[in-house]
Amino acid sequence: MAKRDYYEVLGVDKSASADEIKKAFRRKAVELHPDKEGGDEVKFKEVNEAYEVLKDQSKRQRYDQFGHAGVGGAAGNGGGGNPFGGFGGEWSGQNVNFDFGDLGLGDIFGSFFGGGAGGGRSQRQARGNDLETRVEISFEEAVFGAETELRLNIEDTCSHCKGNTAEPGYELKTCDTCKGNGQVVQAVRTIFGNIQQAAVCPTCHGKGKQPEKVCSVCRGKGTERRTQAIQLKIPAGIDDGATIRLREHGEAVANGPKGDLYVHIRVKAHKHFTREGDLILSDEHISMVDAALGTEIDVETVDGAVRMKVPAGTQSGTDFKLSNHGVPHLRSETRGAHIVTIVVDTPTKLSKQQQELLEAFRAEPKKRGFF
């Protein structure tokens, strides 16, 4: 069976640099290693064979000129030689220190674990946990806005050391465990054997410093659990299900910013009103006589009672608009409307006189437009 082109095996162009070839080999080696689920021993050896030739400048020149014939015996070394020569370590199933060069550990082990290996070259500043809570407000408070106090029992900045972790009067010194690096090297078991990997220092948690004397209140934690009162301003026009984010009102952490607090708003149902966006909707019942002859009614709104005229001949289901009595627009001084739907009630019980009057009305010529 004819051998595949070595550049094709590694997935690089013929003009690829030595660095690009090295990176391509590492990716392929991780992907196809026989000890990895889904690995392929045959393809793994093929990749190693290609790299053994292309990593060597003289062999690569002969291969480019004469093809596989130009590297003869050298290519055969891939099956029994060191498959990890490019990593700078020997494979024996024991402890191995690999020099991954400028290809980070996260790039190599992301193939196995779906992400970086941890302990990257730069440590992100610690940040407190985000918190969530829920507040229930009335329909009117949602329309006009409100202020309320939240009382939460959370991890807050230590009142004694102010989050410094050191007893007042003492300083922070270089961490004895990591010598100020913020990281320690530990052995990690992988399919390649045990490798040395950097991890966050367990003593200083990546900060590189530790207190000369730990705080007597928080014991060096930098935080203490206590009830905190938080003032929450609810904007006018907020809707049910909305979330308000209060930056740095979440849990505290030593020598770092607090997390955020997310407040989920629940609006109580109103016995008379419903809401659609910036519109407030309600029904008003009138008799069929008032609908036929016209009338004026007092309509309940969030602003109080409003007098509204119902013209003669109004049909059930007719909508009337009361401008500027709806929900305020967020970040605006304008308001929506209140939509009043007229419901015409048909009587179910009539006195004898009422029945006679309706009978007489029905007997009238229909040119009047009724019935």
Protein backbone atom coordinates (compact mmCIF):
# COMPACT_ATOMS: atom_id res chain seq x y z
CA MET A 1 0.00 0.00 0.00
CA ALA A 2 1.44 3.38 -1.04
CA LYS A 3 2.41 5.71 1.75
CA ARG A 4 0.52 8.95 2.13
CA ASP A 5 2.25 12.26 1.64
CA TYR A 6 3.84 13.29 4.95
CA TYR A 7 2.55 16.85 4.72
CA GLU A 8 -0.96 15.49 4.15
CA VAL A 9 -0.59 13.17 7.15
CA LEU A 10 0.19 16.13 9.42
CA GLY A 11 -2.34 18.39 7.71
CA VAL A 12 0.12 21.16 6.79
CA ASP A 13 1.24 22.85 3.59
CA LYS A 14 4.63 22.10 2.05
CA SER A 15 5.65 25.65 2.90
CA ALA A 16 4.88 25.12 6.61
CA SER A 17 7.50 26.32 9.07
CA ALA A 18 9.22 23.99 11.54
CA ASP A 19 7.11 25.49 14.31
CA GLU A 20 3.87 24.82 12.41
CA ILE A 21 4.95 21.23 11.76
CA LYS A 22 5.73 20.73 15.45
CA LYS A 23 2.34 22.07 16.53
CA ALA A 24 0.53 19.97 13.93
CA PHE A 25 2.30 16.84 15.17
CA ARG A 26 1.40 17.52 18.78
CA ARG A 27 -2.27 17.99 17.94
CA LYS A 28 -2.35 14.82 15.86
CA ALA A 29 -0.44 12.81 18.49
CA VAL A 30 -2.92 13.79 21.19
CA GLU A 31 -5.89 13.08 18.94
CA LEU A 32 -4.75 9.65 17.75
CA HIS A 33 -2.85 8.25 20.74
CA PRO A 34 -3.80 4.56 21.23
CA ASP A 35 -4.42 5.00 24.98
CA LYS A 36 -7.05 7.67 24.30
CA GLU A 37 -10.65 6.69 23.62
CA GLY A 38 -11.12 6.89 19.87
CA GLY A 39 -7.36 6.67 19.26
CA ASP A 40 -5.87 4.91 16.25
CA GLU A 41 -2.53 3.13 16.64
CA VAL A 42 -1.92 2.80 12.90
CA LYS A 43 -2.54 6.46 12.18
CA PHE A 44 -0.61 7.41 15.31
CA LYS A 45 2.50 5.63 13.97
CA GLU A 46 1.93 7.22 10.57
CA VAL A 47 1.88 10.68 12.14
CA ASN A 48 5.03 9.93 14.12
CA GLU A 49 6.79 8.68 11.00
CA ALA A 50 5.91 11.82 9.09
CA TYR A 51 7.14 14.03 11.91
CA GLU A 52 10.42 12.13 12.27
CA VAL A 53 11.20 13.10 8.68
CA LEU A 54 9.80 16.63 8.47
CA LYS A 55 11.24 17.84 11.78
CA ASP A 56 14.78 17.13 10.49
CA GLN A 57 15.85 19.77 7.96
CA SER A 58 18.14 17.49 5.97
CA LYS A 59 15.61 14.64 5.82
CA ARG A 60 12.91 17.11 4.84
CA GLN A 61 15.04 18.43 1.97
CA ARG A 62 15.63 14.90 0.67
CA TYR A 63 11.94 14.07 1.03
CA ASP A 64 10.92 17.23 -0.85
CA GLN A 65 13.32 16.30 -3.66
CA PHE A 66 12.94 12.52 -3.91
CA GLY A 67 9.78 11.67 -1.96
CA HIS A 68 9.66 8.59 0.28
CA ALA A 69 12.61 7.04 -1.59
CA GLY A 70 14.84 9.87 -0.40
CA VAL A 71 14.36 9.07 3.29
CA GLY A 72 14.33 5.25 3.03
CA GLY A 73 15.41 3.81 6.37
CA ALA A 74 14.85 7.00 8.33
CA ALA A 75 11.14 6.80 7.80
CA GLY A 76 11.05 3.33 9.23
CA ASN A 77 12.22 4.55 12.61
CA GLY A 78 8.74 5.80 13.39
CA GLY A 79 7.46 2.35 14.35
CA GLY A 80 10.01 1.48 16.99
CA GLY A 81 11.62 4.74 17.98
CA ASN A 82 10.61 7.35 20.51
CA PRO A 83 7.14 8.56 19.48
CA PHE A 84 7.54 11.63 21.68
CA GLY A 85 10.97 12.78 20.60
CA GLY A 86 9.44 16.11 19.65
CA PHE A 87 8.25 16.63 23.22
CA GLY A 88 11.72 16.43 24.73
CA GLY A 89 10.96 13.47 27.01
CA GLU A 90 11.11 9.70 26.91
CA TRP A 91 7.96 7.62 26.99
CA SER A 92 8.21 4.86 29.57
CA GLY A 93 4.88 5.02 31.35
CA GLN A 94 6.61 6.62 34.34
CA ASN A 95 7.11 10.23 35.40
CA VAL A 96 7.90 12.31 32.32
CA ASN A 97 8.63 16.02 32.03
CA PHE A 98 7.53 17.32 28.64
CA ASP A 99 8.61 20.63 27.19
CA PHE A 100 5.53 21.83 25.34
CA GLY A 101 7.25 24.99 24.13
CA ASP A 102 4.82 27.72 23.13
CA LEU A 103 1.92 25.27 22.80
CA GLY A 104 0.17 25.76 26.14
CA LEU A 105 -0.99 22.93 28.36
CA GLY A 106 -4.54 24.09 27.73
CA ASP A 107 -4.09 23.41 24.00
CA ILE A 108 -2.79 19.88 24.63
CA PHE A 109 -5.18 18.77 27.36
CA GLY A 110 -8.20 20.62 25.99
CA SER A 111 -8.56 17.64 23.63
CA PHE A 112 -9.05 15.35 26.61
CA PHE A 113 -10.93 17.48 29.11
CA GLY A 114 -12.73 20.04 26.94
CA GLY A 115 -10.76 22.99 28.22
CA GLY A 116 -7.46 24.25 29.63
CA ALA A 117 -5.44 22.22 32.10
CA GLY A 118 -5.63 24.92 34.76
CA GLY A 119 -2.80 26.84 36.28
CA GLY A 120 -2.32 28.97 33.17
CA ARG A 121 0.45 31.46 32.74
CA SER A 122 -1.56 34.34 34.15
CA GLN A 123 -3.89 34.08 37.12
CA ARG A 124 -7.19 35.90 36.99
CA GLN A 125 -7.98 38.00 40.01
CA ALA A 126 -10.23 36.18 42.45
CA ARG A 127 -13.81 37.43 42.45
CA GLY A 128 -16.65 36.78 44.86
CA ASN A 129 -19.60 34.58 43.97
CA ASP A 130 -22.64 36.03 42.23
CA LEU A 131 -25.91 35.75 44.14
CA GLU A 132 -29.55 35.56 43.14
CA THR A 133 -32.68 36.52 45.04
CA ARG A 134 -36.34 37.24 44.27
CA VAL A 135 -38.55 40.18 45.20
CA GLU A 136 -42.33 40.25 44.89
CA ILE A 137 -43.95 43.63 44.29
CA SER A 138 -47.48 44.88 43.68
CA PHE A 139 -48.89 45.83 40.30
CA GLU A 140 -48.82 49.50 41.25
CA GLU A 141 -45.18 49.30 42.41
CA ALA A 142 -44.26 47.84 39.04
CA VAL A 143 -46.02 50.74 37.29
CA PHE A 144 -44.69 53.60 39.41
CA GLY A 145 -41.46 52.12 40.76
CA ALA A 146 -40.51 51.56 44.38
CA GLU A 147 -37.67 51.29 46.82
CA THR A 148 -37.26 48.33 49.12
CA GLU A 149 -34.64 46.93 51.47
CA LEU A 150 -33.17 43.48 50.94
CA ARG A 151 -31.71 41.69 53.93
CA LEU A 152 -29.38 38.88 52.89
CA ASN A 153 -27.16 36.65 54.98
CA ILE A 154 -24.02 36.47 52.84
CA GLU A 155 -20.24 36.30 52.91
CA ASP A 156 -19.22 39.93 53.38
CA THR A 157 -15.82 41.60 53.72
CA CYS A 158 -14.32 40.92 57.14
CA SER A 159 -14.97 43.92 59.37
CA HIS A 160 -11.76 43.31 61.32
CA CYS A 161 -9.09 42.96 58.61
CA LYS A 162 -11.10 44.66 55.82
CA GLY A 163 -10.55 41.62 53.60
CA ASN A 164 -6.76 41.74 53.92
CA THR A 165 -6.64 38.35 55.75
CA ALA A 166 -3.91 39.64 58.10
CA GLU A 167 -4.43 40.68 61.70
CA PRO A 168 -4.43 44.50 61.87
CA GLY A 169 -0.85 45.68 62.53
CA TYR A 170 0.67 42.81 60.57
CA GLU A 171 1.68 42.68 56.91
CA LEU A 172 1.40 40.25 54.05
CA LYS A 173 4.59 38.33 53.32
CA THR A 174 5.77 36.20 50.40
CA CYS A 175 4.03 32.83 50.45
CA ASP A 176 6.24 30.11 51.96
CA THR A 177 4.70 27.39 49.80
CA CYS A 178 5.00 28.87 46.31
CA LYS A 179 7.71 31.46 47.05
CA GLY A 180 5.52 34.22 45.62
CA ASN A 181 4.75 32.51 42.30
CA GLY A 182 1.12 31.83 43.09
CA GLN A 183 1.56 28.33 41.64
CA VAL A 184 2.97 25.00 42.67
CA VAL A 185 4.05 22.12 40.44
CA GLN A 186 2.32 18.80 40.96
CA ALA A 187 2.25 15.44 39.21
CA VAL A 188 -0.85 14.72 37.14
CA ARG A 189 -1.73 11.29 35.76
CA THR A 190 -2.50 11.30 32.03
CA ILE A 191 -2.47 8.82 29.20
CA PHE A 192 1.15 9.85 28.70
CA GLY A 193 2.03 8.89 32.26
CA ASN A 194 2.59 11.31 35.14
CA ILE A 195 3.51 14.80 34.04
CA GLN A 196 4.44 17.88 36.00
CA GLN A 197 1.75 20.52 35.87
CA ALA A 198 1.40 23.95 37.44
CA ALA A 199 -1.56 24.44 39.79
CA VAL A 200 -2.84 27.27 41.98
CA CYS A 201 -1.01 27.40 45.28
CA PRO A 202 -3.26 25.92 48.02
CA THR A 203 -1.78 28.20 50.68
CA CYS A 204 -2.12 31.65 49.11
CA HIS A 205 -4.70 30.68 46.46
CA GLY A 206 -2.62 32.15 43.65
CA LYS A 207 -1.90 35.51 45.28
CA GLY A 208 1.75 34.83 46.07
CA LYS A 209 1.39 36.33 49.56
CA GLN A 210 0.19 35.16 52.95
CA PRO A 211 -0.39 37.03 56.22
CA GLU A 212 2.34 37.25 58.85
CA LYS A 213 -0.46 36.60 61.34
CA VAL A 214 -3.91 35.56 60.21
CA CYS A 215 -6.91 37.68 61.13
CA SER A 216 -8.34 36.61 64.49
CA VAL A 217 -11.93 37.11 63.26
CA CYS A 218 -12.03 35.53 59.80
CA ARG A 219 -9.03 33.19 60.34
CA GLY A 220 -7.38 34.43 57.16
CA LYS A 221 -10.44 33.93 55.01
CA GLY A 222 -10.94 37.67 54.45
CA THR A 223 -14.71 37.36 54.76
CA GLU A 224 -17.33 36.73 57.41
CA ARG A 225 -20.96 35.72 57.10
CA ARG A 226 -23.40 38.35 58.27
CA THR A 227 -26.73 39.90 57.39
CA GLN A 228 -26.40 42.79 54.99
CA ALA A 229 -29.06 45.41 54.25
CA ILE A 230 -29.16 46.38 50.58
CA GLN A 231 -31.30 49.19 49.22
CA LEU A 232 -32.97 48.26 45.95
CA LYS A 233 -34.49 50.86 43.65
CA ILE A 234 -37.10 49.36 41.34
CA PRO A 235 -37.60 51.50 38.22
CA ALA A 236 -41.07 52.57 37.08
CA GLY A 237 -42.40 50.36 34.31
CA ILE A 238 -40.54 47.20 35.26
CA ASP A 239 -42.23 44.01 34.09
CA ASP A 240 -42.84 40.65 35.68
CA GLY A 241 -39.82 38.38 35.22
CA ALA A 242 -37.32 41.22 34.82
CA THR A 243 -33.93 41.00 36.54
CA ILE A 244 -32.03 43.84 38.19
CA ARG A 245 -28.25 43.48 38.46
CA LEU A 246 -26.50 45.13 41.37
CA ARG A 247 -22.78 45.19 40.66
CA GLU A 248 -20.48 44.08 43.49
CA HIS A 249 -23.37 43.42 45.88
CA GLY A 250 -22.77 39.66 45.87
CA GLU A 251 -20.43 37.67 48.08
CA ALA A 252 -17.04 39.03 49.05
CA VAL A 253 -13.64 37.40 48.60
CA ALA A 254 -10.28 38.17 50.14
CA ASN A 255 -8.32 40.85 48.27
CA GLY A 256 -10.69 40.89 45.32
CA PRO A 257 -13.94 42.44 44.07
CA LYS A 258 -17.31 41.23 45.22
CA GLY A 259 -19.59 39.28 42.95
CA ASP A 260 -22.84 40.69 41.57
CA LEU A 261 -26.36 40.36 42.95
CA TYR A 262 -29.16 39.46 40.54
CA VAL A 263 -32.64 40.38 41.77
CA HIS A 264 -35.51 38.67 39.93
CA ILE A 265 -38.76 40.65 39.99
CA ARG A 266 -42.13 38.96 40.51
CA VAL A 267 -45.19 41.18 40.04
CA LYS A 268 -48.36 40.16 41.86
CA ALA A 269 -51.49 39.78 39.77
CA HIS A 270 -54.06 42.61 40.07
CA LYS A 271 -57.68 41.80 40.73
CA HIS A 272 -58.88 44.28 38.09
CA PHE A 273 -56.03 45.11 35.71
CA THR A 274 -53.86 43.15 33.31
CA ARG A 275 -50.86 44.39 31.40
CA GLU A 276 -49.51 44.08 27.89
CA GLY A 277 -46.23 45.94 27.49
CA ASP A 278 -46.93 49.56 28.30
CA LEU A 279 -50.72 49.09 28.09
CA ILE A 280 -53.02 48.50 31.06
CA LEU A 281 -56.21 46.63 30.23
CA SER A 282 -59.49 46.41 32.12
CA ASP A 283 -63.17 45.62 31.54
CA GLU A 284 -66.14 47.81 32.45
CA HIS A 285 -69.66 46.39 32.54
CA ILE A 286 -72.69 48.45 31.53
CA SER A 287 -76.34 47.58 30.95
CA MET A 288 -77.79 47.16 27.49
CA VAL A 289 -79.90 50.25 28.08
CA ASP A 290 -76.85 52.36 28.87
CA ALA A 291 -75.13 50.89 25.85
CA ALA A 292 -78.08 51.83 23.65
CA LEU A 293 -78.70 55.29 25.10
CA GLY A 294 -75.14 56.23 26.07
CA THR A 295 -73.83 57.02 29.53
CA GLU A 296 -70.85 58.17 31.59
CA ILE A 297 -69.00 55.86 33.94
CA ASP A 298 -66.17 56.09 36.47
CA VAL A 299 -63.26 53.94 35.34
CA GLU A 300 -60.76 52.68 37.90
CA THR A 301 -57.15 53.35 36.81
CA VAL A 302 -53.77 53.20 38.56
CA ASP A 303 -54.10 56.98 38.89
CA GLY A 304 -57.54 56.80 40.52
CA ALA A 305 -61.05 57.08 39.08
CA VAL A 306 -61.41 58.69 35.66
CA ARG A 307 -64.76 59.80 34.20
CA MET A 308 -65.33 58.30 30.74
CA LYS A 309 -68.14 58.90 28.26
CA VAL A 310 -69.74 55.89 26.58
CA PRO A 311 -71.56 57.01 23.43
CA ALA A 312 -75.02 55.74 22.45
CA GLY A 313 -75.02 52.50 20.47
CA THR A 314 -71.79 51.14 21.95
CA GLN A 315 -71.41 47.44 21.26
CA SER A 316 -70.04 44.87 23.68
CA GLY A 317 -66.30 44.42 23.15
CA THR A 318 -65.69 48.02 22.08
CA ASP A 319 -62.35 49.41 23.31
CA PHE A 320 -61.82 52.92 24.61
CA LYS A 321 -58.41 54.48 25.10
CA LEU A 322 -57.42 56.56 28.12
CA SER A 323 -54.13 58.14 27.10
CA ASN A 324 -51.25 58.47 29.60
CA HIS A 325 -52.86 56.22 32.19
CA GLY A 326 -50.82 53.15 31.31
CA VAL A 327 -47.32 51.99 32.22
CA PRO A 328 -44.39 54.42 32.07
CA HIS A 329 -41.73 53.59 29.50
CA LEU A 330 -38.43 52.60 31.06
CA ARG A 331 -35.91 55.45 30.99
CA SER A 332 -38.59 57.79 29.63
CA GLU A 333 -41.19 60.20 31.01
CA THR A 334 -43.89 59.04 28.59
CA ARG A 335 -46.56 56.51 29.45
CA GLY A 336 -48.70 54.03 27.61
CA ALA A 337 -52.49 54.02 27.57
CA HIS A 338 -55.22 52.37 29.60
CA ILE A 339 -57.51 50.38 27.33
CA VAL A 340 -61.07 49.96 28.62
CA THR A 341 -63.14 47.19 27.06
CA ILE A 342 -66.90 47.63 27.40
CA VAL A 343 -68.89 44.55 28.29
CA VAL A 344 -72.63 44.93 27.73
CA ASP A 345 -74.63 42.88 30.23
CA THR A 346 -77.86 41.31 29.04
CA PRO A 347 -80.38 40.88 31.87
CA THR A 348 -81.39 37.31 32.71
CA LYS A 349 -84.45 38.27 34.77
CA LEU A 350 -87.01 40.89 33.77
CA SER A 351 -90.01 42.28 35.56
CA LYS A 352 -93.36 42.06 33.80
CA GLN A 353 -93.24 45.77 32.96
CA GLN A 354 -89.70 45.50 31.55
CA GLN A 355 -90.69 42.54 29.45
CA GLU A 356 -93.70 44.41 28.07
CA LEU A 357 -91.53 47.42 27.19
CA LEU A 358 -89.04 45.23 25.36
CA GLU A 359 -91.81 43.42 23.55
CA ALA A 360 -93.24 46.76 22.42
CA PHE A 361 -89.77 47.88 21.36
CA ARG A 362 -89.31 44.74 19.34
CA ALA A 363 -92.61 45.33 17.61
CA GLU A 364 -91.44 48.70 16.37
CA PRO A 365 -90.37 48.90 12.72
CA LYS A 366 -86.80 47.53 12.31
CA LYS A 367 -85.83 50.57 10.28
CA ARG A 368 -84.81 52.10 13.56
CA GLY A 369 -81.71 49.91 13.33
CA PHE A 370 -82.34 47.68 16.32
CA PHE A 371 -82.88 43.95 16.40
